Protein backbone atom coordinates (compact mmCIF):
# COMPACT_ATOMS: atom_id res chain seq x y z
CA MET A 1 24.63 -2.82 4.54
CA ILE A 2 24.72 0.67 5.40
CA ARG A 3 26.57 2.58 8.26
CA ILE A 4 26.15 5.73 9.64
CA SER A 5 29.88 5.74 10.04
CA GLU A 6 30.61 5.22 5.81
CA GLY A 7 29.23 8.66 5.24
CA LYS A 8 26.24 9.78 3.20
CA GLN A 9 28.19 9.22 -0.29
CA ASN A 10 27.07 5.56 0.79
CA LEU A 11 23.58 6.43 1.79
CA PRO A 12 20.71 4.71 -0.92
CA GLU A 13 19.99 7.14 -3.63
CA ASP A 14 17.63 9.81 -2.81
CA MET A 15 17.83 8.93 0.86
CA ILE A 16 18.55 11.44 3.53
CA LEU A 17 20.06 10.45 7.03
CA ILE A 18 18.17 12.31 9.59
CA PRO A 19 20.75 12.22 12.97
CA GLU A 20 19.98 10.86 16.58
CA GLY A 21 18.62 13.19 18.92
CA LEU A 22 15.81 15.34 20.38
CA PHE A 23 13.49 17.84 18.84
CA LEU A 24 10.28 19.22 19.15
CA MET A 25 7.02 17.19 18.88
CA GLY A 26 3.47 18.66 18.90
CA SER A 27 2.03 21.79 19.53
CA THR A 28 1.34 23.81 22.85
CA GLN A 29 -1.89 25.14 23.80
CA GLN A 30 -1.00 28.62 23.26
CA ASP A 31 -0.32 27.55 19.32
CA ILE A 32 -3.43 26.26 19.27
CA ASP A 33 -4.82 29.31 20.99
CA LYS A 34 -3.16 31.23 17.83
CA LEU A 35 -4.58 29.25 15.49
CA LEU A 36 -8.20 29.63 16.69
CA GLU A 37 -7.48 33.52 16.27
CA LEU A 38 -6.39 32.85 12.58
CA ASP A 39 -9.09 31.06 11.74
CA ARG A 40 -12.32 31.19 13.63
CA ASN A 41 -14.07 28.27 11.13
CA ILE A 42 -11.63 25.71 13.07
CA GLU A 43 -13.21 23.82 15.65
CA ALA A 44 -10.92 23.55 18.73
CA GLU A 45 -11.35 19.85 19.61
CA ARG A 46 -10.27 18.84 15.92
CA LEU A 47 -6.40 20.32 17.40
CA GLU A 48 -6.49 19.03 20.78
CA ASN A 49 -4.39 16.18 19.46
CA GLU A 50 -1.56 17.79 18.89
CA ILE A 51 -1.00 18.66 22.57
CA PRO A 52 0.99 18.72 24.45
CA ARG A 53 4.30 19.74 22.65
CA ARG A 54 7.20 17.77 24.17
CA GLU A 55 11.10 16.78 23.25
CA VAL A 56 11.33 13.47 21.78
CA TYR A 57 14.35 11.81 21.28
CA LEU A 58 14.74 9.37 18.00
CA ASN A 59 17.43 7.40 16.98
CA ALA A 60 18.93 8.42 13.50
CA TYR A 61 17.23 6.97 10.63
CA LEU A 62 17.12 7.49 6.88
CA ILE A 63 13.97 8.78 4.84
CA ASP A 64 13.45 9.50 1.21
CA LYS A 65 13.92 12.71 -0.09
CA TYR A 66 11.00 12.59 -2.18
CA PRO A 67 7.63 11.23 -2.13
CA VAL A 68 7.29 8.07 -3.92
CA THR A 69 6.67 8.83 -7.97
CA ASN A 70 4.35 7.24 -10.26
CA ALA A 71 7.57 6.34 -11.98
CA HIS A 72 9.14 4.23 -8.90
CA TYR A 73 5.63 2.92 -8.23
CA LYS A 74 5.07 1.64 -11.80
CA LYS A 75 8.29 -0.67 -11.13
CA PHE A 76 6.40 -2.23 -8.25
CA ILE A 77 4.04 -3.19 -10.06
CA GLU A 78 5.64 -4.48 -13.50
CA SER A 79 7.82 -6.41 -11.47
CA GLY A 80 5.29 -8.77 -10.02
CA GLY A 81 4.53 -6.90 -6.32
CA TYR A 82 0.67 -7.50 -6.64
CA THR A 83 1.48 -11.13 -7.08
CA GLN A 84 3.86 -11.73 -4.58
CA LYS A 85 2.64 -12.37 -0.83
CA ALA A 86 5.57 -11.90 0.47
CA PHE A 87 5.39 -8.17 0.35
CA TRP A 88 2.23 -8.11 1.75
CA SER A 89 0.84 -8.27 5.64
CA ASP A 90 -2.34 -11.06 5.76
CA ALA A 91 -4.85 -7.84 5.89
CA GLY A 92 -3.04 -6.15 3.00
CA TRP A 93 -3.08 -9.50 0.80
CA GLN A 94 -6.79 -10.02 1.89
CA TYR A 95 -7.49 -6.47 0.77
CA ILE A 96 -5.96 -6.93 -2.97
CA VAL A 97 -7.91 -10.10 -2.96
CA GLN A 98 -10.66 -8.54 -2.51
CA ALA A 99 -10.46 -5.20 -4.01
CA ASN A 100 -7.94 -6.78 -6.84
CA PRO A 101 -6.78 -3.18 -7.94
CA LEU A 102 -4.68 -4.59 -10.69
CA GLU A 103 -8.48 -5.29 -12.73
CA ASN A 104 -9.88 -1.97 -12.07
CA SER A 105 -8.67 1.59 -12.66
CA ASP A 106 -7.04 2.53 -9.41
CA LEU A 107 -4.02 1.81 -10.62
CA ASP A 108 -4.29 4.15 -14.20
CA VAL A 109 -3.01 7.55 -12.85
CA VAL A 110 0.42 5.59 -12.10
CA PHE A 111 1.04 4.67 -15.73
CA ARG A 112 -1.36 7.73 -16.95
CA GLY A 113 0.13 10.22 -14.82
CA GLU A 114 3.61 12.05 -15.39
CA PRO A 115 6.36 9.92 -14.24
CA ASP A 116 7.95 12.34 -11.68
CA CYS A 117 4.19 13.48 -9.67
CA PRO A 118 3.95 11.53 -6.25
CA ALA A 119 1.57 8.33 -6.63
CA VAL A 120 -1.68 8.91 -5.68
CA ASN A 121 -4.83 6.91 -5.24
CA ILE A 122 -2.31 4.01 -3.14
CA SER A 123 -4.26 2.42 0.08
CA TRP A 124 -2.20 2.28 3.15
CA TYR A 125 -1.56 -1.39 2.67
CA GLU A 126 -0.32 -1.01 -1.03
CA ALA A 127 2.06 1.83 0.60
CA GLU A 128 3.46 -0.89 3.19
CA ALA A 129 3.87 -3.55 0.39
CA PHE A 130 5.98 -1.07 -1.78
CA ALA A 131 8.16 -0.34 0.88
CA ARG A 132 8.96 -3.78 1.64
CA TRP A 133 9.50 -4.40 -1.77
CA SER A 134 11.82 -1.48 -2.18
CA GLY A 135 13.88 -3.04 1.65
CA LYS A 136 12.19 -0.22 3.44
CA ARG A 137 9.54 0.84 5.82
CA LEU A 138 6.51 3.48 6.18
CA PRO A 139 8.27 6.28 8.54
CA THR A 140 6.53 6.45 12.02
CA GLU A 141 4.72 9.64 12.79
CA ALA A 142 7.33 10.89 14.86
CA GLU A 143 10.22 10.49 12.12
CA TRP A 144 7.54 12.06 9.50
CA GLU A 145 7.39 15.05 12.22
CA LYS A 146 11.19 15.32 13.08
CA THR A 147 12.04 15.62 9.20
CA ALA A 148 9.65 18.12 8.51
CA ARG A 149 9.84 20.67 11.06
CA GLY A 150 13.85 20.06 12.56
CA THR A 151 14.73 20.31 15.80
CA ASP A 152 13.53 23.77 16.81
CA GLY A 153 9.44 23.20 16.58
CA ARG A 154 9.19 25.13 13.68
CA ILE A 155 5.15 25.53 12.21
CA TYR A 156 6.47 24.80 8.48
CA PRO A 157 9.23 22.87 6.64
CA TRP A 158 11.08 26.46 6.07
CA GLY A 159 9.93 28.57 9.01
CA ASN A 160 7.27 29.96 10.99
CA GLU A 161 6.04 32.25 8.48
CA PHE A 162 3.52 30.68 5.66
CA ASP A 163 4.56 31.43 2.13
CA LYS A 164 2.54 29.64 -0.83
CA THR A 165 5.06 30.17 -3.30
CA ARG A 166 7.29 27.33 -1.26
CA LEU A 167 4.60 24.55 -1.75
CA ASN A 168 1.53 23.61 -3.59
CA CYS A 169 -1.70 24.37 -1.43
CA ALA A 170 -5.42 25.07 -1.83
CA GLU A 171 -3.82 28.92 -1.82
CA ALA A 172 -1.78 28.00 -5.10
CA LYS A 173 -4.85 27.26 -7.07
CA ILE A 174 -2.92 24.67 -8.47
CA GLU A 175 -5.45 21.81 -8.01
CA LYS A 176 -3.70 18.67 -8.59
CA PRO A 177 -0.48 17.34 -7.73
CA THR A 178 2.93 18.48 -8.79
CA PRO A 179 5.97 17.31 -9.73
CA VAL A 180 8.14 16.29 -6.24
CA THR A 181 11.15 18.77 -7.05
CA LYS A 182 9.05 21.61 -8.32
CA TYR A 183 9.27 23.41 -4.82
CA PRO A 184 13.47 23.34 -3.90
CA GLN A 185 12.78 26.59 -1.77
CA GLY A 186 9.96 24.70 0.09
CA GLN A 187 12.46 21.76 1.63
CA SER A 188 12.79 20.62 5.03
CA MET A 189 16.23 21.78 6.76
CA TYR A 190 17.62 17.92 6.25
CA GLY A 191 16.60 18.63 2.40
CA CYS A 192 13.53 16.63 1.99
CA PHE A 193 10.85 17.95 -0.69
CA ASP A 194 7.43 18.09 0.10
CA MET A 195 6.85 17.98 3.82
CA ALA A 196 4.69 20.44 3.34
CA GLY A 197 1.56 20.42 0.95
CA ASN A 198 0.99 18.24 -2.70
CA VAL A 199 0.18 15.43 -0.80
CA TRP A 200 -0.84 13.77 1.97
CA GLU A 201 1.42 10.90 3.50
CA TRP A 202 0.60 7.98 4.99
CA THR A 203 2.88 6.87 8.31
CA ALA A 204 3.16 3.56 9.96
CA ASP A 205 1.38 4.68 12.67
CA TRP A 206 -2.19 3.76 13.84
CA TYR A 207 -3.80 6.72 14.84
CA ASP A 208 -5.11 7.81 18.64
CA SER A 209 -6.22 11.31 19.12
CA GLN A 210 -4.85 10.79 22.58
CA TYR A 211 -1.72 9.11 22.10
CA TYR A 212 0.87 12.36 22.91
CA ARG A 213 -0.64 12.42 26.51
CA CYS A 214 0.99 8.60 27.04
CA ALA A 215 3.52 8.22 23.91
CA PRO A 216 7.02 7.59 25.13
CA ASP A 217 9.44 10.35 24.58
CA LYS A 218 12.10 7.53 22.85
CA ASN A 219 11.61 6.42 19.85
CA PRO A 220 7.46 6.40 19.92
CA GLN A 221 6.18 3.59 17.44
CA GLY A 222 2.33 4.67 17.70
CA PRO A 223 -0.23 3.28 19.37
CA VAL A 224 -0.68 -0.61 19.97
CA MET A 225 -4.20 -0.28 18.53
CA ALA A 226 -6.08 2.25 16.52
CA GLU A 227 -8.98 4.77 18.20
CA GLU A 228 -12.04 3.37 17.47
CA ASN A 229 -14.49 6.18 15.54
CA PRO A 230 -12.20 9.25 16.05
CA TYR A 231 -14.41 12.36 15.84
CA PHE A 232 -17.60 12.62 14.22
CA GLY A 233 -17.24 10.20 11.28
CA ARG A 234 -15.76 9.80 7.92
CA PRO A 235 -14.83 13.11 5.94
CA GLU A 236 -15.63 13.71 2.62
CA GLU A 237 -12.58 14.77 1.49
CA VAL A 238 -9.34 13.74 3.93
CA GLY A 239 -8.32 16.93 5.27
CA ILE A 240 -11.05 19.33 4.49
CA SER A 241 -14.12 18.03 5.83
CA ILE A 242 -12.54 16.77 8.56
CA TYR A 243 -12.65 19.96 10.14
CA ASP A 244 -16.66 19.41 9.80
CA LEU A 245 -18.67 18.20 12.85
CA LYS A 246 -21.57 16.81 11.43
CA PRO A 247 -21.24 12.87 10.21
CA SER A 248 -21.36 12.01 6.81
CA PRO A 249 -24.86 11.86 5.31
CA ALA A 250 -24.33 7.95 4.78
CA GLY A 251 -23.50 7.83 8.45
CA LYS A 252 -20.67 5.84 8.13
CA SER A 253 -18.10 6.23 10.97
CA LEU A 254 -13.99 5.81 10.68
CA SER A 255 -12.45 2.84 12.36
CA GLY A 256 -8.91 1.47 12.59
CA CYS A 257 -7.19 4.20 10.97
CA LYS A 258 -3.87 5.08 9.86
CA VAL A 259 -2.16 8.45 10.45
CA LEU A 260 -1.67 11.14 7.62
CA ARG A 261 0.66 13.59 7.80
CA GLY A 262 1.81 16.34 5.49
CA GLY A 263 -1.22 18.31 4.19
CA SER A 264 -2.12 18.25 0.20
CA TRP A 265 -2.92 20.69 -2.81
CA ASN A 266 -6.46 20.86 -1.38
CA GLY A 267 -5.81 21.99 1.74
CA SER A 268 -5.16 25.69 3.23
CA GLY A 269 -1.66 26.54 4.92
CA ILE A 270 -3.32 27.92 7.86
CA VAL A 271 -4.10 24.70 9.20
CA HIS A 272 -3.04 21.86 7.03
CA ILE A 273 -0.12 22.32 6.04
CA ARG A 274 1.49 22.95 9.03
CA CYS A 275 4.14 20.10 10.38
CA ALA A 276 2.33 19.07 13.58
CA ASN A 277 -1.15 18.38 11.63
CA ARG A 278 -2.44 15.33 12.37
CA ASP A 279 -4.83 13.48 10.09
CA TYR A 280 -6.34 9.69 9.26
CA ASP A 281 -7.70 7.47 7.05
CA GLU A 282 -8.45 3.74 7.18
CA PRO A 283 -5.74 1.50 5.32
CA THR A 284 -8.15 0.93 2.48
CA TYR A 285 -8.78 4.44 1.83
CA LYS A 286 -7.70 5.97 -1.46
CA SER A 287 -7.82 9.72 -2.75
CA ASP A 288 -5.89 11.71 -5.32
CA THR A 289 -4.85 13.98 -2.28
CA ILE A 290 -2.74 11.09 -0.78
CA GLY A 291 0.55 9.98 -1.14
CA PHE A 292 3.65 8.46 0.81
CA ARG A 293 7.61 8.28 1.14
CA CYS A 294 9.23 5.78 2.69
CA ALA A 295 11.86 5.04 5.47
CA LYS A 296 14.86 2.95 6.82
CA SER A 297 16.86 1.91 9.80
CA PRO A 298 20.25 2.48 8.98
CA ASP A 299 22.20 -1.02 10.01
């Protein structure tokens, strides 16, 4: 059992205690206007999902210091995580029965990639199951944002000025995930790494572009159900072509999406790496730009 009063020395390994209290979540219209001045290619409609900015109160919670790595995810696979139904939601179990990821190449990167790089090509369902296996859960969107930006509404985890030396993003021109400990100079005020760049991170919440306008100001858990067909169709690459207003050539549209946060190695710092930026995709979607970290409620 973990109790806040017992002190940091008794916290789970590589987890950070985020104290209860208020923080600034979202963006103001003025924030969006400034962003549009910096990048004329951005469609204003894409950023309205961050409005309004408001004070949100969260109970204390624990969150992983780093994104889940290949080494940690490999333990989940080798322990039989994909064969134990108890770790999976009904929808998640149906997904792996149909997709059978152990029998295709989806998980090759976990075994062949660098052990301390974030696990990628992991669907939301798999991230959820890993979290249950580890005795944790996925963070809410609000928990993720407070961890990233602290209480003062900063734009980036380290402050308000973009600095490509503090993270792995498009401007760094690395073009692949990097070890989760590579950028200590980019950590958040709470000491969490890679809250900006490297990989997008799944959160627990369903995605609704209008949720901030009606969300509770205390411990928001996301909408009860997802917005159907948000925006104009499936992005070809999450976090980049999502800002293209044209539908995908295949005519596909997204449905029942989960929230993604944090930006990735192929996203630009001006837009995609900001703490307030919201993205999304279907829980079955996999990409080498998407990973996750876990959270936990103190006992």
